[in-house]
Amino acid sequence: MTETQAAAKMEVIKILEICRDIEIAAAELYHYYSEIYSDTPEIAQLWKKTAQEEENHAHQFALAITLRREGIVKAVKVRQLNSERILDKIRSVTEAVRRSKPAIADALSSAIKMEEKLSDYHMSTMAVFQEESHKELFEAMMRNDRGHVVELGKAYQKLMANQK
């Protein structure tokens, strides 16, 4: 392996690690929301479920890191700087909500926007695989998890309807 190939391999691994950390940070935020909104069981359960799904995404990135080391993931379609900015933003939001508890509607609205931005960071859309079957594996894992925005949106609409 040439020095350039080794550097490219390490760059892909670094991006995958940041993407994994994005998912972990989102899960931590959602677990926190589950705690602070525990007086609203339906909403708390939604946050917990969403956090667990983010943890599943983090596991998928961990698997992708292993596959990259084995040469199965060829490249990624995102830039490291963009990934770092998203991770920093999620951490910043988490710090802010720990200082000042947002209203449930604001938390839901913010999470919906964040999830829309994170959709580009799912393995099935951002990785270039050696074989189509590997991509299909990640797509199958993601099919069950695509409902974040939908579920959060439903909760937001229900909450808004109840406030009228």
N, C-alpha and C. Protein backbone atom coordinates (compact mmCIF):
# COMPACT_ATOMS: atom_id res chain seq x y z
N MET A 1 0.85 -1.17 0.00
CA MET A 1 0.00 0.00 0.00
C MET A 1 0.90 1.24 0.00
N THR A 2 0.60 2.16 -0.91
CA THR A 2 1.40 3.38 -0.98
C THR A 2 1.05 4.30 0.17
N GLU A 3 1.89 5.30 0.37
CA GLU A 3 1.65 6.27 1.44
C GLU A 3 0.35 7.03 1.19
N THR A 4 0.07 7.35 -0.06
CA THR A 4 -1.16 8.06 -0.42
C THR A 4 -2.39 7.19 -0.13
N GLN A 5 -2.31 5.92 -0.48
CA GLN A 5 -3.43 5.01 -0.20
C GLN A 5 -3.65 4.85 1.30
N ALA A 6 -2.57 4.76 2.05
CA ALA A 6 -2.68 4.62 3.50
C ALA A 6 -3.31 5.88 4.10
N ALA A 7 -2.92 7.04 3.61
CA ALA A 7 -3.49 8.30 4.12
C ALA A 7 -4.96 8.39 3.78
N ALA A 8 -5.34 7.98 2.57
CA ALA A 8 -6.75 8.00 2.17
C ALA A 8 -7.56 7.04 3.03
N LYS A 9 -7.00 5.88 3.32
CA LYS A 9 -7.69 4.91 4.16
C LYS A 9 -7.91 5.48 5.56
N MET A 10 -6.89 6.13 6.12
CA MET A 10 -7.01 6.71 7.46
C MET A 10 -8.01 7.88 7.47
N GLU A 11 -8.07 8.65 6.38
CA GLU A 11 -9.02 9.75 6.31
C GLU A 11 -10.46 9.21 6.33
N VAL A 12 -10.71 8.15 5.58
CA VAL A 12 -12.04 7.56 5.56
C VAL A 12 -12.39 7.04 6.95
N ILE A 13 -11.45 6.37 7.59
CA ILE A 13 -11.70 5.86 8.94
C ILE A 13 -12.00 7.02 9.89
N LYS A 14 -11.24 8.10 9.80
CA LYS A 14 -11.47 9.26 10.67
C LYS A 14 -12.87 9.82 10.45
N ILE A 15 -13.31 9.95 9.21
CA ILE A 15 -14.65 10.46 8.92
C ILE A 15 -15.70 9.51 9.48
N LEU A 16 -15.51 8.22 9.30
CA LEU A 16 -16.46 7.25 9.85
C LEU A 16 -16.51 7.33 11.38
N GLU A 17 -15.36 7.56 12.00
CA GLU A 17 -15.34 7.72 13.46
C GLU A 17 -16.11 8.97 13.90
N ILE A 18 -15.96 10.06 13.16
CA ILE A 18 -16.70 11.28 13.48
C ILE A 18 -18.20 11.04 13.29
N CYS A 19 -18.56 10.35 12.22
CA CYS A 19 -19.97 10.04 11.98
C CYS A 19 -20.53 9.17 13.11
N ARG A 20 -19.74 8.21 13.57
CA ARG A 20 -20.15 7.40 14.72
C ARG A 20 -20.37 8.30 15.94
N ASP A 21 -19.45 9.23 16.15
CA ASP A 21 -19.56 10.14 17.29
C ASP A 21 -20.77 11.07 17.17
N ILE A 22 -21.15 11.43 15.95
CA ILE A 22 -22.36 12.22 15.73
C ILE A 22 -23.57 11.45 16.23
N GLU A 23 -23.64 10.19 15.88
CA GLU A 23 -24.77 9.36 16.30
C GLU A 23 -24.79 9.19 17.82
N ILE A 24 -23.62 9.02 18.42
CA ILE A 24 -23.54 8.88 19.88
C ILE A 24 -23.97 10.19 20.55
N ALA A 25 -23.54 11.31 20.01
CA ALA A 25 -23.91 12.61 20.58
C ALA A 25 -25.42 12.84 20.47
N ALA A 26 -26.00 12.46 19.34
CA ALA A 26 -27.46 12.59 19.18
C ALA A 26 -28.18 11.70 20.18
N ALA A 27 -27.68 10.49 20.37
CA ALA A 27 -28.29 9.57 21.34
C ALA A 27 -28.22 10.16 22.75
N GLU A 28 -27.08 10.74 23.10
CA GLU A 28 -26.94 11.34 24.43
C GLU A 28 -27.95 12.48 24.62
N LEU A 29 -28.12 13.30 23.59
CA LEU A 29 -29.09 14.39 23.66
C LEU A 29 -30.50 13.83 23.86
N TYR A 30 -30.85 12.82 23.10
CA TYR A 30 -32.19 12.26 23.20
C TYR A 30 -32.42 11.54 24.53
N HIS A 31 -31.39 10.90 25.06
CA HIS A 31 -31.52 10.29 26.39
C HIS A 31 -31.76 11.39 27.43
N TYR A 32 -31.06 12.50 27.28
CA TYR A 32 -31.26 13.61 28.20
C TYR A 32 -32.68 14.14 28.11
N TYR A 33 -33.18 14.29 26.88
CA TYR A 33 -34.57 14.72 26.71
C TYR A 33 -35.53 13.73 27.38
N SER A 34 -35.24 12.46 27.25
CA SER A 34 -36.08 11.45 27.88
C SER A 34 -36.13 11.65 29.39
N GLU A 35 -35.01 12.00 29.97
CA GLU A 35 -34.95 12.25 31.41
C GLU A 35 -35.72 13.51 31.82
N ILE A 36 -35.46 14.60 31.10
CA ILE A 36 -36.05 15.88 31.55
C ILE A 36 -37.54 15.98 31.22
N TYR A 37 -38.02 15.14 30.32
CA TYR A 37 -39.45 15.14 29.99
C TYR A 37 -40.12 13.87 30.52
N SER A 38 -39.56 13.29 31.57
CA SER A 38 -40.11 12.05 32.12
C SER A 38 -41.51 12.24 32.68
N ASP A 39 -41.90 13.48 32.94
CA ASP A 39 -43.25 13.74 33.43
C ASP A 39 -44.30 13.65 32.32
N THR A 40 -43.84 13.47 31.09
CA THR A 40 -44.71 13.27 29.93
C THR A 40 -44.31 11.92 29.32
N PRO A 41 -44.86 10.82 29.85
CA PRO A 41 -44.37 9.48 29.48
C PRO A 41 -44.34 9.19 27.98
N GLU A 42 -45.35 9.62 27.25
CA GLU A 42 -45.38 9.33 25.82
C GLU A 42 -44.21 9.99 25.10
N ILE A 43 -43.92 11.23 25.46
CA ILE A 43 -42.80 11.96 24.85
C ILE A 43 -41.47 11.36 25.33
N ALA A 44 -41.39 11.06 26.61
CA ALA A 44 -40.16 10.47 27.15
C ALA A 44 -39.84 9.15 26.45
N GLN A 45 -40.85 8.35 26.20
CA GLN A 45 -40.65 7.07 25.50
C GLN A 45 -40.18 7.29 24.06
N LEU A 46 -40.74 8.29 23.39
CA LEU A 46 -40.31 8.61 22.03
C LEU A 46 -38.83 9.01 22.03
N TRP A 47 -38.43 9.84 22.99
CA TRP A 47 -37.02 10.24 23.06
C TRP A 47 -36.13 9.03 23.30
N LYS A 48 -36.56 8.15 24.19
CA LYS A 48 -35.76 6.96 24.50
C LYS A 48 -35.62 6.07 23.28
N LYS A 49 -36.72 5.85 22.58
CA LYS A 49 -36.70 5.02 21.37
C LYS A 49 -35.77 5.63 20.31
N THR A 50 -35.87 6.94 20.14
CA THR A 50 -35.04 7.62 19.15
C THR A 50 -33.57 7.54 19.55
N ALA A 51 -33.28 7.68 20.84
CA ALA A 51 -31.90 7.56 21.32
C ALA A 51 -31.35 6.17 21.03
N GLN A 52 -32.16 5.16 21.26
CA GLN A 52 -31.71 3.79 21.00
C GLN A 52 -31.45 3.56 19.52
N GLU A 53 -32.25 4.17 18.68
CA GLU A 53 -32.02 4.05 17.23
C GLU A 53 -30.72 4.74 16.84
N GLU A 54 -30.43 5.88 17.46
CA GLU A 54 -29.16 6.56 17.19
C GLU A 54 -27.99 5.69 17.64
N GLU A 55 -28.15 5.00 18.75
CA GLU A 55 -27.10 4.09 19.20
C GLU A 55 -26.91 2.96 18.19
N ASN A 56 -28.00 2.49 17.60
CA ASN A 56 -27.89 1.48 16.54
C ASN A 56 -27.11 2.03 15.34
N HIS A 57 -27.36 3.29 14.99
CA HIS A 57 -26.62 3.91 13.89
C HIS A 57 -25.13 3.96 14.24
N ALA A 58 -24.81 4.29 15.48
CA ALA A 58 -23.41 4.34 15.90
C ALA A 58 -22.76 2.96 15.74
N HIS A 59 -23.50 1.90 16.06
CA HIS A 59 -22.98 0.54 15.88
C HIS A 59 -22.75 0.25 14.40
N GLN A 60 -23.60 0.78 13.54
CA GLN A 60 -23.41 0.57 12.11
C GLN A 60 -22.14 1.25 11.63
N PHE A 61 -21.87 2.45 12.16
CA PHE A 61 -20.62 3.12 11.80
C PHE A 61 -19.42 2.35 12.35
N ALA A 62 -19.54 1.80 13.53
CA ALA A 62 -18.45 0.98 14.08
C ALA A 62 -18.17 -0.21 13.16
N LEU A 63 -19.24 -0.83 12.67
CA LEU A 63 -19.09 -1.93 11.72
C LEU A 63 -18.42 -1.43 10.43
N ALA A 64 -18.83 -0.27 9.96
CA ALA A 64 -18.24 0.28 8.74
C ALA A 64 -16.75 0.57 8.93
N ILE A 65 -16.36 1.00 10.12
CA ILE A 65 -14.94 1.24 10.40
C ILE A 65 -14.18 -0.07 10.26
N THR A 66 -14.73 -1.13 10.81
CA THR A 66 -14.10 -2.45 10.68
C THR A 66 -14.04 -2.87 9.22
N LEU A 67 -15.13 -2.65 8.50
CA LEU A 67 -15.16 -3.04 7.08
C LEU A 67 -14.17 -2.21 6.27
N ARG A 68 -13.99 -0.94 6.63
CA ARG A 68 -13.01 -0.11 5.93
C ARG A 68 -11.62 -0.66 6.12
N ARG A 69 -11.34 -1.08 7.33
CA ARG A 69 -10.02 -1.65 7.60
C ARG A 69 -9.80 -2.91 6.77
N GLU A 70 -10.90 -3.59 6.44
CA GLU A 70 -10.81 -4.80 5.61
C GLU A 70 -10.96 -4.49 4.12
N GLY A 71 -11.14 -3.22 3.77
CA GLY A 71 -11.21 -2.81 2.37
C GLY A 71 -12.58 -2.90 1.74
N ILE A 72 -13.62 -3.18 2.53
CA ILE A 72 -14.97 -3.33 1.97
C ILE A 72 -15.62 -1.97 1.71
N VAL A 73 -15.35 -1.01 2.60
CA VAL A 73 -15.81 0.37 2.36
C VAL A 73 -14.67 1.07 1.63
N LYS A 74 -14.96 1.53 0.40
CA LYS A 74 -13.91 2.15 -0.42
C LYS A 74 -13.70 3.61 -0.07
N ALA A 75 -14.81 4.34 0.13
CA ALA A 75 -14.71 5.79 0.32
C ALA A 75 -15.98 6.29 0.99
N VAL A 76 -15.98 7.56 1.33
CA VAL A 76 -17.18 8.19 1.86
C VAL A 76 -17.46 9.45 1.05
N LYS A 77 -18.71 9.87 1.04
CA LYS A 77 -19.14 11.01 0.23
C LYS A 77 -19.29 12.29 1.02
N VAL A 78 -18.77 12.34 2.23
CA VAL A 78 -18.85 13.55 3.05
C VAL A 78 -17.44 14.01 3.38
N ARG A 79 -17.33 15.28 3.72
CA ARG A 79 -16.03 15.84 4.06
C ARG A 79 -15.85 15.85 5.57
N GLN A 80 -14.62 15.69 5.99
CA GLN A 80 -14.33 15.64 7.42
C GLN A 80 -14.74 16.93 8.11
N LEU A 81 -14.45 18.06 7.52
CA LEU A 81 -14.78 19.35 8.15
C LEU A 81 -16.29 19.48 8.36
N ASN A 82 -17.08 19.08 7.37
CA ASN A 82 -18.54 19.14 7.51
C ASN A 82 -19.01 18.23 8.65
N SER A 83 -18.43 17.05 8.74
CA SER A 83 -18.79 16.12 9.80
C SER A 83 -18.43 16.69 11.16
N GLU A 84 -17.25 17.28 11.26
CA GLU A 84 -16.82 17.88 12.53
C GLU A 84 -17.76 19.01 12.94
N ARG A 85 -18.20 19.80 11.99
CA ARG A 85 -19.12 20.91 12.30
C ARG A 85 -20.45 20.39 12.84
N ILE A 86 -20.94 19.33 12.25
CA ILE A 86 -22.21 18.76 12.73
C ILE A 86 -22.04 18.22 14.14
N LEU A 87 -20.95 17.52 14.38
CA LEU A 87 -20.69 16.99 15.72
C LEU A 87 -20.60 18.14 16.73
N ASP A 88 -19.88 19.19 16.38
CA ASP A 88 -19.77 20.35 17.27
C ASP A 88 -21.14 20.98 17.53
N LYS A 89 -21.97 21.05 16.51
CA LYS A 89 -23.31 21.64 16.67
C LYS A 89 -24.16 20.83 17.63
N ILE A 90 -24.15 19.51 17.49
CA ILE A 90 -24.94 18.65 18.38
C ILE A 90 -24.44 18.80 19.82
N ARG A 91 -23.14 18.82 19.99
CA ARG A 91 -22.59 19.00 21.34
C ARG A 91 -22.97 20.36 21.92
N SER A 92 -22.97 21.37 21.08
CA SER A 92 -23.36 22.72 21.51
C SER A 92 -24.83 22.75 21.94
N VAL A 93 -25.69 22.11 21.17
CA VAL A 93 -27.11 22.05 21.51
C VAL A 93 -27.28 21.33 22.85
N THR A 94 -26.57 20.24 23.02
CA THR A 94 -26.67 19.48 24.27
C THR A 94 -26.24 20.34 25.46
N GLU A 95 -25.15 21.06 25.32
CA GLU A 95 -24.70 21.94 26.40
C GLU A 95 -25.76 23.00 26.70
N ALA A 96 -26.35 23.56 25.66
CA ALA A 96 -27.37 24.61 25.84
C ALA A 96 -28.60 24.08 26.56
N VAL A 97 -29.07 22.90 26.19
CA VAL A 97 -30.29 22.38 26.83
C VAL A 97 -30.01 21.92 28.25
N ARG A 98 -28.77 21.57 28.53
CA ARG A 98 -28.43 21.22 29.92
C ARG A 98 -28.42 22.47 30.81
N ARG A 99 -28.11 23.62 30.22
CA ARG A 99 -28.14 24.88 30.98
C ARG A 99 -29.56 25.40 31.14
N SER A 100 -30.39 25.19 30.13
CA SER A 100 -31.74 25.74 30.15
C SER A 100 -32.69 24.78 29.43
N LYS A 101 -33.57 24.17 30.20
CA LYS A 101 -34.51 23.18 29.66
C LYS A 101 -35.46 23.86 28.66
N PRO A 102 -35.45 23.38 27.41
CA PRO A 102 -36.38 23.95 26.42
C PRO A 102 -37.79 23.40 26.61
N ALA A 103 -38.75 24.11 26.07
CA ALA A 103 -40.12 23.59 26.03
C ALA A 103 -40.12 22.34 25.15
N ILE A 104 -41.03 21.43 25.41
CA ILE A 104 -41.10 20.18 24.64
C ILE A 104 -41.22 20.49 23.14
N ALA A 105 -42.08 21.44 22.80
CA ALA A 105 -42.26 21.77 21.37
C ALA A 105 -40.96 22.24 20.75
N ASP A 106 -40.18 23.04 21.48
CA ASP A 106 -38.90 23.52 20.95
C ASP A 106 -37.90 22.37 20.79
N ALA A 107 -37.90 21.45 21.75
CA ALA A 107 -37.00 20.30 21.65
C ALA A 107 -37.37 19.44 20.45
N LEU A 108 -38.66 19.20 20.26
CA LEU A 108 -39.10 18.40 19.11
C LEU A 108 -38.75 19.09 17.79
N SER A 109 -39.03 20.37 17.71
CA SER A 109 -38.75 21.12 16.49
C SER A 109 -37.26 21.10 16.16
N SER A 110 -36.44 21.31 17.17
CA SER A 110 -34.99 21.29 16.98
C SER A 110 -34.51 19.91 16.54
N ALA A 111 -35.06 18.88 17.15
CA ALA A 111 -34.66 17.51 16.80
C ALA A 111 -35.07 17.17 15.37
N ILE A 112 -36.23 17.62 14.95
CA ILE A 112 -36.68 17.36 13.58
C ILE A 112 -35.69 17.97 12.59
N LYS A 113 -35.31 19.22 12.84
CA LYS A 113 -34.34 19.90 11.95
C LYS A 113 -33.00 19.17 11.95
N MET A 114 -32.58 18.75 13.13
CA MET A 114 -31.31 18.04 13.23
C MET A 114 -31.36 16.71 12.48
N GLU A 115 -32.44 15.98 12.65
CA GLU A 115 -32.58 14.68 11.97
C GLU A 115 -32.61 14.85 10.45
N GLU A 116 -33.22 15.91 9.98
CA GLU A 116 -33.23 16.16 8.53
C GLU A 116 -31.81 16.37 8.02
N LYS A 117 -31.01 17.08 8.78
CA LYS A 117 -29.61 17.30 8.39
C LYS A 117 -28.79 16.02 8.50
N LEU A 118 -29.11 15.20 9.48
CA LEU A 118 -28.35 13.97 9.69
C LEU A 118 -28.66 12.88 8.66
N SER A 119 -29.73 13.05 7.91
CA SER A 119 -30.11 12.00 6.95
C SER A 119 -29.01 11.71 5.94
N ASP A 120 -28.19 12.68 5.64
CA ASP A 120 -27.08 12.46 4.71
C ASP A 120 -25.97 11.63 5.31
N TYR A 121 -26.01 11.45 6.61
CA TYR A 121 -24.94 10.75 7.29
C TYR A 121 -25.26 9.30 7.59
N HIS A 122 -26.26 8.75 6.97
CA HIS A 122 -26.54 7.33 7.16
C HIS A 122 -25.65 6.54 6.22
N MET A 123 -25.16 5.43 6.71
CA MET A 123 -24.20 4.63 5.96
C MET A 123 -24.68 4.27 4.56
N SER A 124 -25.95 4.02 4.42
CA SER A 124 -26.43 3.57 3.11
C SER A 124 -26.35 4.66 2.05
N THR A 125 -26.23 5.92 2.45
CA THR A 125 -26.16 7.00 1.47
C THR A 125 -24.80 7.64 1.38
N MET A 126 -23.94 7.48 2.40
CA MET A 126 -22.68 8.23 2.39
C MET A 126 -21.45 7.39 2.11
N ALA A 127 -21.58 6.09 2.08
CA ALA A 127 -20.41 5.24 1.85
C ALA A 127 -20.41 4.66 0.45
N VAL A 128 -19.22 4.45 -0.07
CA VAL A 128 -19.02 3.76 -1.34
C VAL A 128 -18.44 2.40 -0.98
N PHE A 129 -19.18 1.35 -1.33
CA PHE A 129 -18.78 -0.01 -0.96
C PHE A 129 -18.12 -0.71 -2.13
N GLN A 130 -17.30 -1.71 -1.80
CA GLN A 130 -16.66 -2.52 -2.83
C GLN A 130 -17.70 -3.28 -3.64
N GLU A 131 -18.73 -3.79 -2.96
CA GLU A 131 -19.75 -4.60 -3.62
C GLU A 131 -21.13 -4.09 -3.26
N GLU A 132 -22.04 -4.22 -4.19
CA GLU A 132 -23.43 -3.78 -3.98
C GLU A 132 -24.07 -4.51 -2.80
N SER A 133 -23.70 -5.75 -2.59
CA SER A 133 -24.31 -6.52 -1.49
C SER A 133 -24.00 -5.90 -0.13
N HIS A 134 -22.83 -5.27 0.01
CA HIS A 134 -22.48 -4.62 1.27
C HIS A 134 -23.35 -3.38 1.47
N LYS A 135 -23.58 -2.64 0.41
CA LYS A 135 -24.46 -1.47 0.50
C LYS A 135 -25.87 -1.93 0.88
N GLU A 136 -26.33 -3.00 0.28
CA GLU A 136 -27.66 -3.52 0.57
C GLU A 136 -27.80 -3.93 2.03
N LEU A 137 -26.74 -4.44 2.63
CA LEU A 137 -26.75 -4.79 4.05
C LEU A 137 -27.06 -3.55 4.89
N PHE A 138 -26.36 -2.46 4.62
CA PHE A 138 -26.58 -1.23 5.39
C PHE A 138 -27.95 -0.63 5.09
N GLU A 139 -28.40 -0.73 3.86
CA GLU A 139 -29.73 -0.24 3.53
C GLU A 139 -30.81 -1.01 4.29
N ALA A 140 -30.63 -2.31 4.41
CA ALA A 140 -31.60 -3.12 5.16
C ALA A 140 -31.61 -2.72 6.62
N MET A 141 -30.44 -2.45 7.19
CA MET A 141 -30.38 -2.03 8.59
C MET A 141 -31.05 -0.67 8.77
N MET A 142 -30.95 0.19 7.78
CA MET A 142 -31.48 1.55 7.90
C MET A 142 -32.99 1.61 7.68
N ARG A 143 -33.55 0.68 6.94
CA ARG A 143 -34.99 0.74 6.64
C ARG A 143 -35.84 0.87 7.89
N ASN A 144 -35.47 0.18 8.93
CA ASN A 144 -36.25 0.21 10.16
C ASN A 144 -36.05 1.50 10.94
N ASP A 145 -35.05 2.27 10.60
CA ASP A 145 -34.71 3.46 11.39
C ASP A 145 -35.03 4.78 10.70
N ARG A 146 -35.71 4.76 9.60
CA ARG A 146 -35.93 5.99 8.84
C ARG A 146 -37.06 6.85 9.37
N GLY A 147 -37.68 6.42 10.43
CA GLY A 147 -38.86 7.12 10.92
C GLY A 147 -38.60 8.22 11.92
N HIS A 148 -37.36 8.60 12.19
CA HIS A 148 -37.11 9.63 13.20
C HIS A 148 -37.89 10.90 12.92
N VAL A 149 -37.71 11.45 11.75
CA VAL A 149 -38.37 12.72 11.43
C VAL A 149 -39.89 12.55 11.46
N VAL A 150 -40.37 11.43 10.93
CA VAL A 150 -41.81 11.17 10.90
C VAL A 150 -42.37 11.08 12.32
N GLU A 151 -41.73 10.28 13.17
CA GLU A 151 -42.23 10.09 14.53
C GLU A 151 -42.13 11.37 15.35
N LEU A 152 -41.02 12.07 15.23
CA LEU A 152 -40.88 13.34 15.95
C LEU A 152 -41.88 14.36 15.43
N GLY A 153 -42.11 14.36 14.12
CA GLY A 153 -43.09 15.26 13.53
C GLY A 153 -44.50 14.99 14.01
N LYS A 154 -44.85 13.72 14.10
CA LYS A 154 -46.18 13.35 14.62
C LYS A 154 -46.35 13.82 16.06
N ALA A 155 -45.33 13.62 16.86
CA ALA A 155 -45.40 14.05 18.26
C ALA A 155 -45.53 15.57 18.35
N TYR A 156 -44.79 16.27 17.50
CA TYR A 156 -44.85 17.73 17.48
C TYR A 156 -46.26 18.20 17.08
N GLN A 157 -46.80 17.61 16.01
CA GLN A 157 -48.14 18.00 15.55
C GLN A 157 -49.20 17.70 16.61
N LYS A 158 -49.10 16.57 17.26
CA LYS A 158 -50.05 16.21 18.32
C LYS A 158 -49.95 17.20 19.47
N LEU A 159 -48.73 17.53 19.86
CA LEU A 159 -48.52 18.48 20.94
C LEU A 159 -49.11 19.84 20.58
N MET A 160 -48.88 20.29 19.36
CA MET A 160 -49.40 21.60 18.92
C MET A 160 -50.92 21.58 18.88
N ALA A 161 -51.50 20.47 18.42
CA ALA A 161 -52.95 20.35 18.34
C ALA A 161 -53.57 20.38 19.76
N ASN A 162 -52.90 19.78 20.71
CA ASN A 162 -53.40 19.76 22.09
C ASN A 162 -53.28 21.12 22.78
N GLN A 163 -52.41 21.98 22.27
CA GLN A 163 -52.22 23.29 22.88
C GLN A 163 -53.23 24.31 22.37
N LYS A 164 -53.99 23.95 21.35
CA LYS A 164 -54.97 24.89 20.79
C LYS A 164 -56.21 24.94 21.63
